[in-house]
Amino acid sequence: MSFRLMLLFLFCVSVVFGSDVGGLMRRGNGLYARGQYEEALAAYQRATVIEPDASAIRFNAGNALHKLGRYDEALRELELALTDRKPARQADAMYNIGNTLFRAGRLDAAINSYKAALVLSPADRQAKQNLEFCLRLKEEQEQQEQEQQPDESGEGDEQEQEQPQPEPDPQAMDPDQAERIAQALERQEREQLEKQHRPRRQRQVEKDW
């Protein structure tokens, strides 16, 4: 499964928000790139005190929280990032909401988020791939659930039939699948980090914001 790097909006915003916020964002970005997510989050949170309505900062904070496994908090920050006026940035926030929901085991909600991302950005290939993956996974889980249901037409021990059957977890994920997804995410992040550190790429990002 292809995951977009959660660093998508990790950039310098000093031109827009002033030197204090810009410095905090640069510090947070550097810490994030080194895997120091707690420290990066602290820098982003300090930036939000100065600019609480800045969607870019909320996006960054949500990404750091996602890396820390604090998915509920990450979702709150990413939802605040949806206030951005540009549909493309809203689509990116919705995409990362889908990623976070998926990692939190909320498959149906993740599917809806990827669909919403595609409404905002129909050409988003990664959102389409993730949506297709989640739909396949949901279908597999439903098939497993059906296979685990007892055969009502068969004749078995009456006492065993009367015992309640444990309900299968619709959000359960095969450990091998989870591992493959985690590895894919880390690979995507490493590749994007390399791109983020190319001077030409950095300049373009600053122009966008």
C-alpha atoms as a PDB file:
ATOM      1  CA  MET A   1       0.000   0.000   0.000  1.00  0.00           C
ATOM      2  CA  SER A   2       1.363   3.362  -0.984  1.00  0.00           C
ATOM      3  CA  PHE A   3       1.386   6.060   1.687  1.00  0.00           C
ATOM      4  CA  ARG A   4       2.122   9.677   1.041  1.00  0.00           C
ATOM      5  CA  LEU A   5       4.881  11.004   3.254  1.00  0.00           C
ATOM      6  CA  MET A   6       3.535  12.750   6.307  1.00  0.00           C
ATOM      7  CA  LEU A   7       6.147  15.468   5.784  1.00  0.00           C
ATOM      8  CA  LEU A   8       4.250  16.873   2.829  1.00  0.00           C
ATOM      9  CA  PHE A   9       3.646  20.252   4.483  1.00  0.00           C
ATOM     10  CA  LEU A  10       6.796  20.341   6.603  1.00  0.00           C
ATOM     11  CA  PHE A  11       8.395  23.478   5.228  1.00  0.00           C
ATOM     12  CA  CYS A  12       9.641  26.926   6.136  1.00  0.00           C
ATOM     13  CA  VAL A  13       6.822  29.432   6.581  1.00  0.00           C
ATOM     14  CA  SER A  14       8.770  32.414   7.866  1.00  0.00           C
ATOM     15  CA  VAL A  15       7.763  34.524   4.858  1.00  0.00           C
ATOM     16  CA  VAL A  16       4.108  34.100   5.730  1.00  0.00           C
ATOM     17  CA  PHE A  17       4.010  34.023   9.519  1.00  0.00           C
ATOM     18  CA  GLY A  18       7.110  35.900  10.668  1.00  0.00           C
ATOM     19  CA  SER A  19      10.532  34.946  11.944  1.00  0.00           C
ATOM     20  CA  ASP A  20       9.432  33.457  15.294  1.00  0.00           C
ATOM     21  CA  VAL A  21       7.039  30.980  13.758  1.00  0.00           C
ATOM     22  CA  GLY A  22       9.384  30.350  10.859  1.00  0.00           C
ATOM     23  CA  GLY A  23      12.201  29.500  13.242  1.00  0.00           C
ATOM     24  CA  LEU A  24      10.003  27.128  15.204  1.00  0.00           C
ATOM     25  CA  MET A  25       8.852  25.456  12.020  1.00  0.00           C
ATOM     26  CA  ARG A  26      12.408  25.014  10.762  1.00  0.00           C
ATOM     27  CA  ARG A  27      13.395  23.566  14.112  1.00  0.00           C
ATOM     28  CA  GLY A  28      10.409  21.228  14.107  1.00  0.00           C
ATOM     29  CA  ASN A  29      11.118  20.131  10.557  1.00  0.00           C
ATOM     30  CA  GLY A  30      14.722  19.305  11.353  1.00  0.00           C
ATOM     31  CA  LEU A  31      13.758  17.360  14.454  1.00  0.00           C
ATOM     32  CA  TYR A  32      11.089  15.483  12.546  1.00  0.00           C
ATOM     33  CA  ALA A  33      13.566  14.565   9.819  1.00  0.00           C
ATOM     34  CA  ARG A  34      15.848  13.082  12.491  1.00  0.00           C
ATOM     35  CA  GLY A  35      13.032  11.053  13.991  1.00  0.00           C
ATOM     36  CA  GLN A  36      12.754  13.196  17.131  1.00  0.00           C
ATOM     37  CA  TYR A  37       8.985  13.427  16.992  1.00  0.00           C
ATOM     38  CA  GLU A  38       8.343  14.496  20.582  1.00  0.00           C
ATOM     39  CA  GLU A  39      10.707  17.435  20.214  1.00  0.00           C
ATOM     40  CA  ALA A  40       9.297  18.293  16.789  1.00  0.00           C
ATOM     41  CA  LEU A  41       5.785  18.280  18.214  1.00  0.00           C
ATOM     42  CA  ALA A  42       6.847  20.643  20.987  1.00  0.00           C
ATOM     43  CA  ALA A  43       8.195  23.089  18.397  1.00  0.00           C
ATOM     44  CA  TYR A  44       4.988  22.946  16.361  1.00  0.00           C
ATOM     45  CA  GLN A  45       2.861  23.407  19.448  1.00  0.00           C
ATOM     46  CA  ARG A  46       4.845  26.509  20.379  1.00  0.00           C
ATOM     47  CA  ALA A  47       4.211  27.797  16.863  1.00  0.00           C
ATOM     48  CA  THR A  48       0.469  27.246  17.247  1.00  0.00           C
ATOM     49  CA  VAL A  49       0.474  29.489  20.311  1.00  0.00           C
ATOM     50  CA  ILE A  50       1.656  32.309  18.042  1.00  0.00           C
ATOM     51  CA  GLU A  51      -0.473  31.393  15.007  1.00  0.00           C
ATOM     52  CA  PRO A  52      -3.328  29.137  16.208  1.00  0.00           C
ATOM     53  CA  ASP A  53      -5.206  29.388  12.911  1.00  0.00           C
ATOM     54  CA  ALA A  54      -2.298  28.447  10.632  1.00  0.00           C
ATOM     55  CA  SER A  55      -3.374  25.276   8.838  1.00  0.00           C
ATOM     56  CA  ALA A  56       0.211  24.382   7.879  1.00  0.00           C
ATOM     57  CA  ILE A  57       1.309  24.281  11.509  1.00  0.00           C
ATOM     58  CA  ARG A  58      -1.699  22.163  12.446  1.00  0.00           C
ATOM     59  CA  PHE A  59      -0.836  19.790   9.633  1.00  0.00           C
ATOM     60  CA  ASN A  60       2.728  19.434  10.897  1.00  0.00           C
ATOM     61  CA  ALA A  61       1.594  18.852  14.458  1.00  0.00           C
ATOM     62  CA  GLY A  62      -0.827  16.192  13.246  1.00  0.00           C
ATOM     63  CA  ASN A  63       1.969  14.457  11.365  1.00  0.00           C
ATOM     64  CA  ALA A  64       4.194  14.361  14.435  1.00  0.00           C
ATOM     65  CA  LEU A  65       1.354  13.025  16.566  1.00  0.00           C
ATOM     66  CA  HIS A  66       0.708  10.361  13.939  1.00  0.00           C
ATOM     67  CA  LYS A  67       4.339   9.231  14.179  1.00  0.00           C
ATOM     68  CA  LEU A  68       4.003   9.027  17.950  1.00  0.00           C
ATOM     69  CA  GLY A  69       0.975   6.771  17.615  1.00  0.00           C
ATOM     70  CA  ARG A  70      -1.312   9.354  19.206  1.00  0.00           C
ATOM     71  CA  TYR A  71      -3.906   8.941  16.511  1.00  0.00           C
ATOM     72  CA  ASP A  72      -6.899  10.654  18.131  1.00  0.00           C
ATOM     73  CA  GLU A  73      -4.864  13.789  18.756  1.00  0.00           C
ATOM     74  CA  ALA A  74      -3.395  13.590  15.259  1.00  0.00           C
ATOM     75  CA  LEU A  75      -6.871  13.486  13.777  1.00  0.00           C
ATOM     76  CA  ARG A  76      -7.908  16.610  15.671  1.00  0.00           C
ATOM     77  CA  GLU A  77      -4.928  18.535  14.338  1.00  0.00           C
ATOM     78  CA  LEU A  78      -5.344  17.282  10.781  1.00  0.00           C
ATOM     79  CA  GLU A  79      -9.027  18.193  10.832  1.00  0.00           C
ATOM     80  CA  LEU A  80      -8.030  21.734  11.777  1.00  0.00           C
ATOM     81  CA  ALA A  81      -5.756  21.736   8.731  1.00  0.00           C
ATOM     82  CA  LEU A  82      -8.854  21.280   6.567  1.00  0.00           C
ATOM     83  CA  THR A  83      -9.599  24.975   7.114  1.00  0.00           C
ATOM     84  CA  ASP A  84      -7.040  25.818   4.433  1.00  0.00           C
ATOM     85  CA  ARG A  85      -8.699  27.667   1.574  1.00  0.00           C
ATOM     86  CA  LYS A  86      -6.977  25.731  -1.200  1.00  0.00           C
ATOM     87  CA  PRO A  87      -8.723  22.488  -2.255  1.00  0.00           C
ATOM     88  CA  ALA A  88      -5.378  20.814  -3.038  1.00  0.00           C
ATOM     89  CA  ARG A  89      -4.176  21.328   0.521  1.00  0.00           C
ATOM     90  CA  GLN A  90      -7.523  20.221   1.881  1.00  0.00           C
ATOM     91  CA  ALA A  91      -7.117  17.065  -0.200  1.00  0.00           C
ATOM     92  CA  ASP A  92      -3.680  16.425   1.274  1.00  0.00           C
ATOM     93  CA  ALA A  93      -5.010  16.878   4.790  1.00  0.00           C
ATOM     94  CA  MET A  94      -7.897  14.519   4.052  1.00  0.00           C
ATOM     95  CA  TYR A  95      -5.461  11.989   2.605  1.00  0.00           C
ATOM     96  CA  ASN A  96      -3.367  12.020   5.775  1.00  0.00           C
ATOM     97  CA  ILE A  97      -6.533  11.748   7.846  1.00  0.00           C
ATOM     98  CA  GLY A  98      -7.228   8.573   5.892  1.00  0.00           C
ATOM     99  CA  ASN A  99      -3.714   7.297   6.668  1.00  0.00           C
ATOM    100  CA  THR A 100      -4.165   8.030  10.360  1.00  0.00           C
ATOM    101  CA  LEU A 101      -7.573   6.382  10.502  1.00  0.00           C
ATOM    102  CA  PHE A 102      -6.151   3.339   8.771  1.00  0.00           C
ATOM    103  CA  ARG A 103      -3.294   3.034  11.237  1.00  0.00           C
ATOM    104  CA  ALA A 104      -5.813   3.436  14.060  1.00  0.00           C
ATOM    105  CA  GLY A 105      -7.732   0.419  12.730  1.00  0.00           C
ATOM    106  CA  ARG A 106     -10.756   2.445  11.571  1.00  0.00           C
ATOM    107  CA  LEU A 107     -10.993   0.974   8.099  1.00  0.00           C
ATOM    108  CA  ASP A 108     -14.448   2.227   7.114  1.00  0.00           C
ATOM    109  CA  ALA A 109     -13.622   5.779   8.169  1.00  0.00           C
ATOM    110  CA  ALA A 110     -10.327   5.607   6.260  1.00  0.00           C
ATOM    111  CA  ILE A 111     -12.190   4.543   3.132  1.00  0.00           C
ATOM    112  CA  ASN A 112     -14.514   7.533   3.447  1.00  0.00           C
ATOM    113  CA  SER A 113     -11.550   9.880   3.916  1.00  0.00           C
ATOM    114  CA  TYR A 114      -9.791   8.614   0.796  1.00  0.00           C
ATOM    115  CA  LYS A 115     -13.035   9.070  -1.135  1.00  0.00           C
ATOM    116  CA  ALA A 116     -13.286  12.644   0.133  1.00  0.00           C
ATOM    117  CA  ALA A 117      -9.658  13.274  -0.860  1.00  0.00           C
ATOM    118  CA  LEU A 118     -10.467  12.095  -4.370  1.00  0.00           C
ATOM    119  CA  VAL A 119     -13.467  14.416  -4.570  1.00  0.00           C
ATOM    120  CA  LEU A 120     -11.129  17.309  -3.789  1.00  0.00           C
ATOM    121  CA  SER A 121      -8.340  16.009  -6.019  1.00  0.00           C
ATOM    122  CA  PRO A 122      -9.636  13.437  -8.548  1.00  0.00           C
ATOM    123  CA  ALA A 123      -6.186  12.924 -10.092  1.00  0.00           C
ATOM    124  CA  ASP A 124      -4.589  11.867  -6.786  1.00  0.00           C
ATOM    125  CA  ARG A 125      -3.084   8.513  -7.734  1.00  0.00           C
ATOM    126  CA  GLN A 126      -1.957   7.600  -4.222  1.00  0.00           C
ATOM    127  CA  ALA A 127      -5.379   8.286  -2.729  1.00  0.00           C
ATOM    128  CA  LYS A 128      -6.886   6.054  -5.399  1.00  0.00           C
ATOM    129  CA  GLN A 129      -4.380   3.279  -4.657  1.00  0.00           C
ATOM    130  CA  ASN A 130      -4.989   3.490  -0.918  1.00  0.00           C
ATOM    131  CA  LEU A 131      -8.740   3.459  -1.437  1.00  0.00           C
ATOM    132  CA  GLU A 132      -8.514   0.376  -3.636  1.00  0.00           C
ATOM    133  CA  PHE A 133      -6.285  -1.356  -1.094  1.00  0.00           C
ATOM    134  CA  CYS A 134      -8.686  -0.600   1.769  1.00  0.00           C
ATOM    135  CA  LEU A 135     -11.672  -1.797  -0.234  1.00  0.00           C
ATOM    136  CA  ARG A 136      -9.873  -5.079  -0.993  1.00  0.00           C
ATOM    137  CA  LEU A 137      -8.927  -5.457   2.643  1.00  0.00           C
ATOM    138  CA  LYS A 138     -12.510  -4.828   3.726  1.00  0.00           C
ATOM    139  CA  GLU A 139     -13.741  -7.449   1.268  1.00  0.00           C
ATOM    140  CA  GLU A 140     -11.229  -9.987   2.601  1.00  0.00           C
ATOM    141  CA  GLN A 141     -12.286  -9.289   6.168  1.00  0.00           C
ATOM    142  CA  GLU A 142     -15.952  -9.736   5.283  1.00  0.00           C
ATOM    143  CA  GLN A 143     -15.143 -13.052   3.615  1.00  0.00           C
ATOM    144  CA  GLN A 144     -13.232 -14.201   6.688  1.00  0.00           C
ATOM    145  CA  GLU A 145     -16.149 -13.177   8.863  1.00  0.00           C
ATOM    146  CA  GLN A 146     -18.530 -15.258   6.775  1.00  0.00           C
ATOM    147  CA  GLU A 147     -16.229 -18.265   6.897  1.00  0.00           C
ATOM    148  CA  GLN A 148     -16.031 -18.036  10.688  1.00  0.00           C
ATOM    149  CA  GLN A 149     -19.795 -18.071  11.092  1.00  0.00           C
ATOM    150  CA  PRO A 150     -21.163 -21.484  12.212  1.00  0.00           C
ATOM    151  CA  ASP A 151     -23.113 -23.557   9.720  1.00  0.00           C
ATOM    152  CA  GLU A 152     -26.709 -23.219  10.894  1.00  0.00           C
ATOM    153  CA  SER A 153     -27.889 -26.056   8.653  1.00  0.00           C
ATOM    154  CA  GLY A 154     -25.443 -28.620  10.044  1.00  0.00           C
ATOM    155  CA  GLU A 155     -26.168 -31.000  12.883  1.00  0.00           C
ATOM    156  CA  GLY A 156     -23.688 -30.612  15.710  1.00  0.00           C
ATOM    157  CA  ASP A 157     -23.534 -30.890  19.404  1.00  0.00           C
ATOM    158  CA  GLU A 158     -26.445 -28.894  20.793  1.00  0.00           C
ATOM    159  CA  GLN A 159     -24.464 -27.602  23.711  1.00  0.00           C
ATOM    160  CA  GLU A 160     -21.711 -26.313  21.465  1.00  0.00           C
ATOM    161  CA  GLN A 161     -24.229 -24.614  19.192  1.00  0.00           C
ATOM    162  CA  GLU A 162     -25.768 -22.799  22.119  1.00  0.00           C
ATOM    163  CA  GLN A 163     -22.466 -21.325  23.214  1.00  0.00           C
ATOM    164  CA  PRO A 164     -22.030 -17.745  21.977  1.00  0.00           C
ATOM    165  CA  GLN A 165     -19.498 -17.353  19.215  1.00  0.00           C
ATOM    166  CA  PRO A 166     -16.982 -14.527  19.504  1.00  0.00           C
ATOM    167  CA  GLU A 167     -17.673 -11.787  17.007  1.00  0.00           C
ATOM    168  CA  PRO A 168     -14.820 -11.293  14.536  1.00  0.00           C
ATOM    169  CA  ASP A 169     -13.216  -7.870  14.659  1.00  0.00           C
ATOM    170  CA  PRO A 170     -14.036  -6.190  11.334  1.00  0.00           C
ATOM    171  CA  GLN A 171     -10.995  -3.958  11.743  1.00  0.00           C
ATOM    172  CA  ALA A 172      -8.556  -6.785  12.519  1.00  0.00           C
ATOM    173  CA  MET A 173      -5.526  -6.813  10.291  1.00  0.00           C
ATOM    174  CA  ASP A 174      -3.261  -9.696   9.426  1.00  0.00           C
ATOM    175  CA  PRO A 175       0.138  -9.107  11.115  1.00  0.00           C
ATOM    176  CA  ASP A 176       1.972  -9.670   7.847  1.00  0.00           C
ATOM    177  CA  GLN A 177      -0.194  -7.045   6.147  1.00  0.00           C
ATOM    178  CA  ALA A 178       0.441  -4.579   8.944  1.00  0.00           C
ATOM    179  CA  GLU A 179       4.179  -5.153   8.697  1.00  0.00           C
ATOM    180  CA  ARG A 180       4.197  -4.653   4.928  1.00  0.00           C
ATOM    181  CA  ILE A 181       2.242  -1.425   5.317  1.00  0.00           C
ATOM    182  CA  ALA A 182       4.625  -0.127   7.990  1.00  0.00           C
ATOM    183  CA  GLN A 183       7.630  -0.927   5.817  1.00  0.00           C
ATOM    184  CA  ALA A 184       6.051   0.801   2.831  1.00  0.00           C
ATOM    185  CA  LEU A 185       5.361   3.890   4.912  1.00  0.00           C
ATOM    186  CA  GLU A 186       8.929   4.078   6.170  1.00  0.00           C
ATOM    187  CA  ARG A 187      10.258   3.636   2.638  1.00  0.00           C
ATOM    188  CA  GLN A 188       8.031   6.431   1.348  1.00  0.00           C
ATOM    189  CA  GLU A 189       9.217   8.714   4.129  1.00  0.00           C
ATOM    190  CA  ARG A 190      12.889   8.059   3.436  1.00  0.00           C
ATOM    191  CA  GLU A 191      12.390   8.824  -0.252  1.00  0.00           C
ATOM    192  CA  GLN A 192      10.486  12.019   0.480  1.00  0.00           C
ATOM    193  CA  LEU A 193      13.076  13.136   3.025  1.00  0.00           C
ATOM    194  CA  GLU A 194      15.726  12.930   0.321  1.00  0.00           C
ATOM    195  CA  LYS A 195      13.575  15.067  -1.958  1.00  0.00           C
ATOM    196  CA  GLN A 196      12.857  17.565   0.829  1.00  0.00           C
ATOM    197  CA  HIS A 197      16.571  18.170   1.309  1.00  0.00           C
ATOM    198  CA  ARG A 198      17.220  19.033  -2.321  1.00  0.00           C
ATOM    199  CA  PRO A 199      17.595  22.853  -2.551  1.00  0.00           C
ATOM    200  CA  ARG A 200      15.461  23.111  -5.667  1.00  0.00           C
ATOM    201  CA  ARG A 201      12.583  21.255  -4.024  1.00  0.00           C
ATOM    202  CA  GLN A 202      12.788  23.382  -0.887  1.00  0.00           C
ATOM    203  CA  ARG A 203      12.546  26.622  -2.842  1.00  0.00           C
ATOM    204  CA  GLN A 204       9.457  25.412  -4.663  1.00  0.00           C
ATOM    205  CA  VAL A 205       7.751  24.494  -1.414  1.00  0.00           C
ATOM    206  CA  GLU A 206       8.387  27.939   0.009  1.00  0.00           C
ATOM    207  CA  LYS A 207       6.806  29.521  -3.049  1.00  0.00           C
ATOM    208  CA  ASP A 208       3.691  27.412  -2.609  1.00  0.00           C
ATOM    209  CA  TRP A 209       3.164  28.787   0.859  1.00  0.00           C
END
